[in-house]
């Protein structure tokens, strides 16, 4: 009787073997490998915290934590406004996931440039791989920051699970945060923000304001070309 009603949950195939198979046809796949904690840098911790802070996600996103920790995200690519991944489920063939992030509203873009214009030093810290305290609210303000809210995230998974968020999508969302540990600039790519253009606009605005407040250019005001070279623009 017990056997009739109880069916053991099937485990996904070994992810390492699946990765080996996938590499034969696509040697450029980049699996998410978690070593130690799930999130290490400010970027990944803030990304995960943002997702978990919304009631729409808080009860469902946790389903993907064990999947990403177990290495079931076999490939994950970040593109402008979009992420694509392959996540191993219980079936032999990995599921295909697509996550799209809505473009930044014009109001948010203006807020970014205005904030950065007032804090060129913060941009220098970002370039150096650090996260400046002066920009924390710009990124993390719930609903108005640069980290997306649920209504700005659209997703699709090829699995048969009709839940509003399956564990494969949830694993991909955590995988995005893990990818930021390796390269924080991927966040700007995901939000389709041209980081160099942002720096250039901020420098132009800053220099324009400096010149307005001074009748005469002094040696303290750098030439445009020198300033841009400083920031690698």
Protein backbone atom coordinates (compact mmCIF):
# COMPACT_ATOMS: atom_id res chain seq x y z
CA UNK A 1 0.00 0.00 0.00
CA UNK A 2 2.77 2.40 0.97
CA UNK A 3 4.56 1.84 -2.32
CA UNK A 4 1.38 2.66 -4.22
CA UNK A 5 0.95 6.08 -2.63
CA UNK A 6 4.60 6.99 -2.17
CA UNK A 7 6.95 7.68 -5.03
CA UNK A 8 10.50 8.78 -4.21
CA UNK A 9 11.46 12.10 -5.71
CA UNK A 10 13.73 11.60 -8.69
CA UNK A 11 17.10 13.31 -8.53
CA UNK A 12 18.56 15.23 -11.48
CA UNK A 13 21.44 13.56 -13.36
CA UNK A 14 25.01 14.27 -12.25
CA UNK A 15 25.71 17.88 -13.33
CA UNK A 16 29.42 17.30 -14.00
CA UNK A 17 28.65 14.56 -16.51
CA UNK A 18 25.99 16.74 -18.12
CA UNK A 19 28.48 19.60 -18.47
CA UNK A 20 30.96 17.25 -20.15
CA UNK A 21 28.30 16.24 -22.67
CA UNK A 22 27.32 19.84 -23.38
CA UNK A 23 30.94 20.92 -23.89
CA UNK A 24 31.25 18.53 -26.83
CA UNK A 25 28.72 20.53 -28.81
CA UNK A 26 29.33 23.91 -27.15
CA UNK A 27 32.80 24.34 -25.61
CA UNK A 28 31.94 27.90 -24.52
CA UNK A 29 29.31 27.03 -21.91
CA UNK A 30 29.85 28.68 -18.53
CA UNK A 31 28.28 26.79 -15.62
CA UNK A 32 27.65 28.43 -12.27
CA UNK A 33 30.12 26.95 -9.78
CA UNK A 34 29.44 27.84 -6.14
CA UNK A 35 32.47 27.54 -3.87
CA UNK A 36 31.86 28.47 -0.26
CA UNK A 37 28.96 30.86 0.30
CA UNK A 38 26.21 31.51 -2.20
CA UNK A 39 27.08 35.23 -2.39
CA UNK A 40 30.47 36.80 -1.71
CA UNK A 41 30.55 40.37 -3.04
CA UNK A 42 28.32 43.35 -2.29
CA UNK A 43 26.80 42.96 -5.76
CA UNK A 44 25.59 39.38 -5.37
CA UNK A 45 24.43 39.88 -1.79
CA UNK A 46 22.46 43.00 -2.74
CA UNK A 47 20.99 41.28 -5.83
CA UNK A 48 19.74 38.33 -3.76
CA UNK A 49 18.50 40.54 -0.95
CA UNK A 50 16.53 42.62 -3.42
CA UNK A 51 14.80 39.57 -4.91
CA UNK A 52 14.04 38.10 -1.48
CA UNK A 53 12.62 41.41 -0.21
CA UNK A 54 9.54 41.23 -2.45
CA UNK A 55 6.53 39.23 -1.27
CA UNK A 56 5.98 38.06 -4.88
CA UNK A 57 9.30 36.22 -4.77
CA UNK A 58 10.07 35.56 -1.10
CA UNK A 59 8.00 32.35 -0.91
CA UNK A 60 9.23 30.92 -4.20
CA UNK A 61 12.76 31.98 -4.96
CA UNK A 62 14.20 29.76 -2.22
CA UNK A 63 13.31 26.72 -4.35
CA UNK A 64 16.30 27.48 -6.55
CA UNK A 65 18.97 27.83 -3.86
CA UNK A 66 19.72 24.12 -3.57
CA UNK A 67 19.72 23.78 -7.35
CA UNK A 68 22.32 26.48 -7.93
CA UNK A 69 24.43 25.24 -4.99
CA UNK A 70 24.33 21.70 -6.43
CA UNK A 71 25.71 22.89 -9.77
CA UNK A 72 22.54 22.36 -11.79
CA UNK A 73 22.88 25.70 -13.60
CA UNK A 74 24.93 24.29 -16.47
CA UNK A 75 25.23 27.50 -18.45
CA UNK A 76 24.32 31.14 -17.89
CA UNK A 77 24.85 34.08 -20.23
CA UNK A 78 24.14 37.72 -19.40
CA UNK A 79 23.20 40.01 -22.29
CA UNK A 80 21.72 43.53 -22.51
CA UNK A 81 18.37 43.25 -20.72
CA UNK A 82 18.33 39.45 -20.92
CA UNK A 83 19.72 36.29 -19.33
CA UNK A 84 19.66 32.81 -20.83
CA UNK A 85 20.51 29.64 -18.98
CA UNK A 86 20.42 25.87 -19.06
CA UNK A 87 19.32 24.23 -15.82
CA UNK A 88 19.41 20.50 -15.22
CA UNK A 89 16.14 19.04 -14.00
CA UNK A 90 15.06 15.44 -13.45
CA UNK A 91 14.83 14.84 -17.19
CA UNK A 92 17.92 14.01 -19.23
CA UNK A 93 17.73 17.18 -21.34
CA UNK A 94 18.40 20.46 -19.47
CA UNK A 95 15.63 23.04 -19.39
CA UNK A 96 16.03 26.32 -21.25
CA UNK A 97 15.34 29.49 -19.28
CA UNK A 98 15.03 33.06 -20.54
CA UNK A 99 14.77 36.01 -18.16
CA UNK A 100 14.14 39.50 -19.53
CA UNK A 101 14.50 42.74 -17.60
CA UNK A 102 12.42 45.74 -18.69
CA UNK A 103 14.41 48.75 -19.97
CA UNK A 104 15.17 51.48 -17.45
CA UNK A 105 12.51 54.21 -17.39
CA UNK A 106 13.73 57.66 -18.43
CA UNK A 107 13.16 58.94 -14.89
CA UNK A 108 15.54 56.35 -13.44
CA UNK A 109 18.19 57.12 -16.06
CA UNK A 110 18.05 60.84 -15.18
CA UNK A 111 18.33 59.97 -11.50
CA UNK A 112 21.45 57.89 -12.24
CA UNK A 113 23.21 60.63 -14.18
CA UNK A 114 22.27 63.32 -11.65
CA UNK A 115 23.55 61.24 -8.74
CA UNK A 116 26.77 60.29 -10.50
CA UNK A 117 27.41 63.88 -11.57
CA UNK A 118 27.44 64.82 -7.90
CA UNK A 119 29.80 61.99 -7.05
CA UNK A 120 32.59 61.47 -9.58
CA UNK A 121 34.66 59.93 -6.78
CA UNK A 122 32.05 57.19 -6.46
CA UNK A 123 32.48 56.31 -10.13
CA UNK A 124 36.22 55.99 -9.54
CA UNK A 125 35.49 53.48 -6.77
CA UNK A 126 33.18 51.51 -9.09
CA UNK A 127 35.93 51.38 -11.72
CA UNK A 128 38.31 50.06 -9.06
CA UNK A 129 35.88 47.23 -8.26
CA UNK A 130 34.64 48.70 -4.98
CA UNK A 131 31.10 49.75 -4.15
CA UNK A 132 30.79 53.33 -2.87
CA UNK A 133 28.45 53.99 0.04
CA UNK A 134 27.27 57.15 -1.72
CA UNK A 135 25.54 55.07 -4.39
CA UNK A 136 23.90 52.40 -2.21
CA UNK A 137 20.44 54.00 -2.22
CA UNK A 138 20.62 54.59 -5.98
CA UNK A 139 20.90 50.85 -6.50
CA UNK A 140 18.90 49.36 -3.64
CA UNK A 141 15.95 51.73 -3.06
CA UNK A 142 13.01 49.32 -3.20
CA UNK A 143 10.89 49.94 -6.28
CA UNK A 144 12.94 52.94 -7.42
CA UNK A 145 16.50 51.61 -7.43
CA UNK A 146 18.51 50.03 -10.23
CA UNK A 147 17.90 46.51 -8.95
CA UNK A 148 14.73 45.35 -10.73
CA UNK A 149 11.39 44.73 -9.03
CA UNK A 150 9.25 41.65 -9.90
CA UNK A 151 7.08 43.69 -12.27
CA UNK A 152 10.23 44.47 -14.30
CA UNK A 153 11.25 40.81 -14.60
CA UNK A 154 9.71 38.44 -17.14
CA UNK A 155 10.71 34.80 -17.39
CA UNK A 156 10.14 31.59 -19.32
CA UNK A 157 11.18 27.99 -18.66
CA UNK A 158 10.77 25.01 -20.97
CA UNK A 159 9.90 22.71 -18.04
CA UNK A 160 6.32 21.40 -17.57
CA UNK A 161 5.94 23.05 -14.14
CA UNK A 162 3.07 25.53 -14.38
CA UNK A 163 4.02 27.31 -11.15
CA UNK A 164 4.39 31.08 -11.47
CA UNK A 165 8.08 30.60 -10.69
CA UNK A 166 9.64 27.17 -11.05
CA UNK A 167 12.86 26.15 -9.32
CA UNK A 168 14.79 26.38 -12.59
CA UNK A 169 13.95 30.08 -12.97
CA UNK A 170 14.72 30.62 -9.27
CA UNK A 171 18.10 28.89 -9.68
CA UNK A 172 18.86 31.15 -12.64
CA UNK A 173 18.03 34.27 -10.63
CA UNK A 174 20.49 33.19 -7.93
CA UNK A 175 22.96 32.28 -10.66
CA UNK A 176 22.85 35.86 -11.94
CA UNK A 177 23.96 37.06 -8.52
CA UNK A 178 26.78 34.51 -8.50
CA UNK A 179 27.90 35.78 -11.90
CA UNK A 180 28.20 39.30 -10.42
CA UNK A 181 30.80 37.90 -7.99
CA UNK A 182 33.06 37.22 -10.98
CA UNK A 183 32.28 40.42 -12.91
CA UNK A 184 30.18 43.24 -11.35
CA UNK A 185 30.08 45.14 -14.65
CA UNK A 186 27.66 42.48 -15.92
CA UNK A 187 25.03 44.26 -13.83
CA UNK A 188 25.30 47.31 -16.08
CA UNK A 189 25.12 45.05 -19.14
CA UNK A 190 21.97 43.39 -17.77
CA UNK A 191 20.34 46.76 -17.16
CA UNK A 192 21.54 47.89 -20.61
CA UNK A 193 23.54 50.77 -19.14
CA UNK A 194 26.59 51.94 -21.09
CA UNK A 195 29.00 52.41 -18.19
CA UNK A 196 31.54 54.37 -20.24
CA UNK A 197 28.81 56.64 -21.56
CA UNK A 198 27.60 57.19 -17.99
CA UNK A 199 31.10 58.24 -16.93
CA UNK A 200 31.44 60.54 -19.94
CA UNK A 201 28.09 62.23 -19.26
CA UNK A 202 29.00 62.66 -15.59
CA UNK A 203 32.38 64.18 -16.43
CA UNK A 204 30.85 66.53 -19.02
CA UNK A 205 28.22 67.71 -16.55
CA UNK A 206 30.75 68.13 -13.75
CA UNK A 207 33.17 70.11 -15.92
CA UNK A 208 30.34 72.26 -17.27
CA UNK A 209 29.28 73.19 -13.76
CA UNK A 210 32.86 73.94 -12.76
CA UNK A 211 33.33 76.28 -15.72
CA UNK A 212 30.05 78.05 -15.02
CA UNK A 213 31.26 78.81 -11.52
CA UNK A 214 34.58 80.14 -12.73
CA UNK A 215 35.19 83.06 -15.05
CA UNK A 216 38.57 81.77 -15.99
CA UNK A 217 39.88 78.25 -16.56
CA UNK A 218 42.75 77.42 -14.24
CA UNK A 219 45.32 74.63 -14.22
CA UNK A 220 43.09 72.78 -11.78
CA UNK A 221 40.54 72.16 -14.55
CA UNK A 222 41.80 69.28 -16.67
CA UNK A 223 41.40 69.21 -20.41
CA UNK A 224 38.63 66.98 -21.77
CA UNK A 225 41.04 64.52 -23.35
CA UNK A 226 43.06 64.15 -20.15
CA UNK A 227 39.93 63.58 -18.08
CA UNK A 228 38.54 60.95 -20.39
CA UNK A 229 41.87 59.11 -20.49
CA UNK A 230 41.88 59.07 -16.68
CA UNK A 231 38.62 57.12 -16.70
CA UNK A 232 39.55 54.99 -19.71
CA UNK A 233 36.74 56.43 -21.86
